[in-house]
Amino acid sequence: MIRIAFETLVLFLIPFALFAGWLMLSKKSAFDPEHWSKPFLILVMSGLVLIALSFVFSGLFAERHLDTYVPAHMENGKFIPGSFQ
């Protein structure tokens, strides 16, 4: 679960990192709030679009199991982990 949250956070922060890189390449201060005030909403929206696209991409191309899932259970005193059969 932490991996999914981390990947989502990284996807959200990509537009901000690209904008900060562009500010540095144009020899402007990336730490000046004046440069961040106008494009902030656009950066937030583009980060949310990246997250939504990743959900769509993951839903379309994720591995599918066509077998039946058997949940974990106890059998003759032994623990049998869940699996697809």
N, C-alpha and C. Protein backbone atom coordinates (compact mmCIF):
# COMPACT_ATOMS: atom_id res chain seq x y z
N MET A 1 0.81 -1.19 0.00
CA MET A 1 0.00 0.00 0.00
C MET A 1 0.86 1.26 0.00
N ILE A 2 1.98 1.20 0.72
CA ILE A 2 2.87 2.35 0.75
C ILE A 2 3.47 2.59 -0.62
N ARG A 3 3.76 1.52 -1.35
CA ARG A 3 4.32 1.66 -2.70
C ARG A 3 3.34 2.38 -3.62
N ILE A 4 2.07 2.04 -3.54
CA ILE A 4 1.06 2.68 -4.38
C ILE A 4 0.94 4.16 -4.02
N ALA A 5 0.93 4.47 -2.73
CA ALA A 5 0.85 5.88 -2.30
C ALA A 5 2.08 6.65 -2.75
N PHE A 6 3.26 6.04 -2.66
CA PHE A 6 4.49 6.70 -3.07
C PHE A 6 4.50 6.95 -4.57
N GLU A 7 4.09 5.95 -5.36
CA GLU A 7 4.05 6.12 -6.81
C GLU A 7 3.06 7.21 -7.21
N THR A 8 1.92 7.27 -6.55
CA THR A 8 0.93 8.30 -6.83
C THR A 8 1.48 9.68 -6.48
N LEU A 9 2.16 9.79 -5.36
CA LEU A 9 2.75 11.07 -4.97
C LEU A 9 3.82 11.51 -5.97
N VAL A 10 4.64 10.58 -6.42
CA VAL A 10 5.68 10.91 -7.40
C VAL A 10 5.04 11.39 -8.70
N LEU A 11 4.00 10.71 -9.16
CA LEU A 11 3.31 11.15 -10.37
C LEU A 11 2.73 12.55 -10.21
N PHE A 12 2.20 12.85 -9.03
CA PHE A 12 1.63 14.17 -8.79
C PHE A 12 2.72 15.25 -8.80
N LEU A 13 3.91 14.92 -8.31
CA LEU A 13 4.98 15.91 -8.19
C LEU A 13 5.79 16.11 -9.47
N ILE A 14 5.60 15.27 -10.48
CA ILE A 14 6.36 15.40 -11.72
C ILE A 14 6.19 16.78 -12.37
N PRO A 15 4.97 17.32 -12.52
CA PRO A 15 4.85 18.65 -13.14
C PRO A 15 5.56 19.74 -12.34
N PHE A 16 5.55 19.64 -11.03
CA PHE A 16 6.23 20.63 -10.20
C PHE A 16 7.74 20.56 -10.40
N ALA A 17 8.26 19.34 -10.48
CA ALA A 17 9.70 19.18 -10.70
C ALA A 17 10.11 19.70 -12.08
N LEU A 18 9.29 19.43 -13.09
CA LEU A 18 9.60 19.92 -14.43
C LEU A 18 9.57 21.45 -14.47
N PHE A 19 8.60 22.05 -13.79
CA PHE A 19 8.51 23.51 -13.77
C PHE A 19 9.69 24.12 -13.02
N ALA A 20 10.09 23.49 -11.92
CA ALA A 20 11.25 23.98 -11.18
C ALA A 20 12.51 23.86 -12.04
N GLY A 21 12.63 22.78 -12.79
CA GLY A 21 13.77 22.63 -13.71
C GLY A 21 13.76 23.69 -14.79
N TRP A 22 12.58 23.99 -15.32
CA TRP A 22 12.47 25.03 -16.33
C TRP A 22 12.86 26.40 -15.76
N LEU A 23 12.44 26.66 -14.51
CA LEU A 23 12.83 27.93 -13.87
C LEU A 23 14.35 28.01 -13.71
N MET A 24 14.96 26.91 -13.33
CA MET A 24 16.42 26.92 -13.16
C MET A 24 17.14 27.11 -14.49
N LEU A 25 16.63 26.47 -15.54
CA LEU A 25 17.24 26.62 -16.86
C LEU A 25 17.08 28.04 -17.41
N SER A 26 16.01 28.71 -17.03
CA SER A 26 15.81 30.09 -17.49
C SER A 26 16.44 31.10 -16.53
N LYS A 27 17.27 30.59 -15.62
CA LYS A 27 18.04 31.41 -14.68
C LYS A 27 17.15 32.27 -13.77
N LYS A 28 16.00 31.70 -13.39
CA LYS A 28 15.12 32.34 -12.42
C LYS A 28 15.19 31.52 -11.14
N SER A 29 14.84 32.15 -10.04
CA SER A 29 14.88 31.45 -8.76
C SER A 29 13.68 30.52 -8.62
N ALA A 30 13.96 29.25 -8.40
CA ALA A 30 12.88 28.28 -8.22
C ALA A 30 12.25 28.41 -6.84
N PHE A 31 12.88 29.16 -5.94
CA PHE A 31 12.36 29.31 -4.59
C PHE A 31 11.59 30.60 -4.39
N ASP A 32 11.43 31.38 -5.44
CA ASP A 32 10.71 32.63 -5.36
C ASP A 32 9.21 32.34 -5.53
N PRO A 33 8.39 32.65 -4.52
CA PRO A 33 6.95 32.37 -4.61
C PRO A 33 6.26 33.11 -5.75
N GLU A 34 6.85 34.19 -6.21
CA GLU A 34 6.27 34.95 -7.31
C GLU A 34 6.16 34.11 -8.58
N HIS A 35 7.13 33.24 -8.80
CA HIS A 35 7.14 32.41 -10.00
C HIS A 35 6.13 31.26 -9.92
N TRP A 36 5.70 30.90 -8.72
CA TRP A 36 4.82 29.76 -8.53
C TRP A 36 3.35 30.14 -8.42
N SER A 37 3.04 31.41 -8.21
CA SER A 37 1.66 31.79 -7.93
C SER A 37 0.73 31.59 -9.13
N LYS A 38 1.14 31.98 -10.31
CA LYS A 38 0.25 31.86 -11.49
C LYS A 38 0.08 30.41 -11.94
N PRO A 39 1.14 29.64 -12.14
CA PRO A 39 0.95 28.30 -12.71
C PRO A 39 0.58 27.23 -11.68
N PHE A 40 0.35 27.61 -10.43
CA PHE A 40 0.12 26.61 -9.39
C PHE A 40 -1.10 25.74 -9.69
N LEU A 41 -2.22 26.35 -10.08
CA LEU A 41 -3.43 25.58 -10.36
C LEU A 41 -3.22 24.67 -11.58
N ILE A 42 -2.51 25.15 -12.57
CA ILE A 42 -2.23 24.33 -13.76
C ILE A 42 -1.35 23.14 -13.38
N LEU A 43 -0.37 23.37 -12.50
CA LEU A 43 0.50 22.27 -12.07
C LEU A 43 -0.28 21.23 -11.27
N VAL A 44 -1.18 21.69 -10.40
CA VAL A 44 -2.00 20.76 -9.62
C VAL A 44 -2.89 19.95 -10.55
N MET A 45 -3.54 20.63 -11.49
CA MET A 45 -4.43 19.91 -12.40
C MET A 45 -3.67 18.92 -13.27
N SER A 46 -2.48 19.29 -13.74
CA SER A 46 -1.71 18.36 -14.57
C SER A 46 -1.22 17.17 -13.74
N GLY A 47 -0.90 17.39 -12.47
CA GLY A 47 -0.54 16.27 -11.61
C GLY A 47 -1.71 15.32 -11.40
N LEU A 48 -2.92 15.87 -11.22
CA LEU A 48 -4.10 15.03 -11.06
C LEU A 48 -4.43 14.28 -12.35
N VAL A 49 -4.20 14.91 -13.49
CA VAL A 49 -4.42 14.23 -14.77
C VAL A 49 -3.44 13.07 -14.93
N LEU A 50 -2.19 13.27 -14.52
CA LEU A 50 -1.21 12.17 -14.58
C LEU A 50 -1.65 11.00 -13.71
N ILE A 51 -2.17 11.30 -12.52
CA ILE A 51 -2.64 10.24 -11.63
C ILE A 51 -3.82 9.51 -12.27
N ALA A 52 -4.77 10.25 -12.82
CA ALA A 52 -5.93 9.63 -13.46
C ALA A 52 -5.51 8.76 -14.65
N LEU A 53 -4.56 9.26 -15.44
CA LEU A 53 -4.07 8.46 -16.58
C LEU A 53 -3.37 7.20 -16.11
N SER A 54 -2.66 7.28 -15.00
CA SER A 54 -2.00 6.07 -14.49
C SER A 54 -3.03 5.05 -14.03
N PHE A 55 -4.15 5.51 -13.44
CA PHE A 55 -5.21 4.57 -13.03
C PHE A 55 -5.84 3.91 -14.26
N VAL A 56 -6.10 4.70 -15.30
CA VAL A 56 -6.68 4.15 -16.52
C VAL A 56 -5.71 3.16 -17.16
N PHE A 57 -4.45 3.55 -17.28
CA PHE A 57 -3.43 2.67 -17.87
C PHE A 57 -3.32 1.37 -17.08
N SER A 58 -3.32 1.48 -15.77
CA SER A 58 -3.21 0.30 -14.93
C SER A 58 -4.46 -0.59 -15.07
N GLY A 59 -5.62 0.02 -15.19
CA GLY A 59 -6.84 -0.76 -15.37
C GLY A 59 -6.91 -1.46 -16.71
N LEU A 60 -6.35 -0.83 -17.73
CA LEU A 60 -6.40 -1.43 -19.07
C LEU A 60 -5.35 -2.51 -19.28
N PHE A 61 -4.18 -2.33 -18.71
CA PHE A 61 -3.06 -3.21 -19.03
C PHE A 61 -2.57 -4.06 -17.86
N ALA A 62 -3.27 -4.07 -16.75
CA ALA A 62 -2.84 -4.88 -15.60
C ALA A 62 -3.06 -6.36 -15.90
N GLU A 63 -2.28 -7.18 -15.24
CA GLU A 63 -2.39 -8.63 -15.41
C GLU A 63 -3.73 -9.10 -14.88
N ARG A 64 -4.38 -9.92 -15.65
CA ARG A 64 -5.69 -10.45 -15.26
C ARG A 64 -5.57 -11.94 -14.95
N HIS A 65 -6.21 -12.34 -13.86
CA HIS A 65 -6.26 -13.76 -13.50
C HIS A 65 -7.64 -14.28 -13.87
N LEU A 66 -7.68 -15.26 -14.75
CA LEU A 66 -8.95 -15.82 -15.16
C LEU A 66 -9.34 -17.02 -14.30
N ASP A 67 -8.46 -17.42 -13.40
CA ASP A 67 -8.73 -18.55 -12.53
C ASP A 67 -9.57 -18.10 -11.33
N THR A 68 -9.97 -19.05 -10.53
CA THR A 68 -10.74 -18.78 -9.32
C THR A 68 -9.79 -18.60 -8.15
N TYR A 69 -10.01 -17.55 -7.34
CA TYR A 69 -9.17 -17.31 -6.18
C TYR A 69 -9.68 -18.13 -5.01
N VAL A 70 -8.79 -18.89 -4.39
CA VAL A 70 -9.10 -19.65 -3.19
C VAL A 70 -8.41 -18.94 -2.04
N PRO A 71 -9.17 -18.38 -1.08
CA PRO A 71 -8.54 -17.62 0.01
C PRO A 71 -7.74 -18.53 0.94
N ALA A 72 -6.89 -17.90 1.74
CA ALA A 72 -6.09 -18.65 2.70
C ALA A 72 -7.01 -19.38 3.68
N HIS A 73 -6.60 -20.59 4.06
CA HIS A 73 -7.42 -21.37 4.97
C HIS A 73 -6.54 -22.39 5.70
N MET A 74 -7.15 -23.00 6.70
CA MET A 74 -6.48 -24.06 7.46
C MET A 74 -7.00 -25.40 6.96
N GLU A 75 -6.06 -26.33 6.72
CA GLU A 75 -6.44 -27.65 6.24
C GLU A 75 -5.61 -28.68 7.01
N ASN A 76 -6.27 -29.52 7.79
CA ASN A 76 -5.62 -30.53 8.63
C ASN A 76 -4.56 -29.90 9.54
N GLY A 77 -4.84 -28.73 10.08
CA GLY A 77 -3.94 -28.07 10.99
C GLY A 77 -2.80 -27.35 10.32
N LYS A 78 -2.79 -27.29 9.00
CA LYS A 78 -1.73 -26.58 8.27
C LYS A 78 -2.33 -25.36 7.59
N PHE A 79 -1.54 -24.30 7.57
CA PHE A 79 -1.98 -23.07 6.91
C PHE A 79 -1.71 -23.18 5.41
N ILE A 80 -2.74 -23.00 4.63
CA ILE A 80 -2.63 -23.03 3.17
C ILE A 80 -2.83 -21.59 2.68
N PRO A 81 -1.79 -20.97 2.07
CA PRO A 81 -1.95 -19.58 1.62
C PRO A 81 -2.94 -19.48 0.45
N GLY A 82 -3.47 -18.30 0.27
CA GLY A 82 -4.40 -18.06 -0.83
C GLY A 82 -3.71 -18.20 -2.17
N SER A 83 -4.45 -18.66 -3.16
CA SER A 83 -3.86 -18.84 -4.49
C SER A 83 -4.97 -18.86 -5.54
N PHE A 84 -4.55 -18.78 -6.80
CA PHE A 84 -5.46 -18.91 -7.92
C PHE A 84 -5.40 -20.35 -8.41
N GLN A 85 -6.58 -20.94 -8.63
CA GLN A 85 -6.61 -22.34 -9.09
C GLN A 85 -7.54 -22.47 -10.25
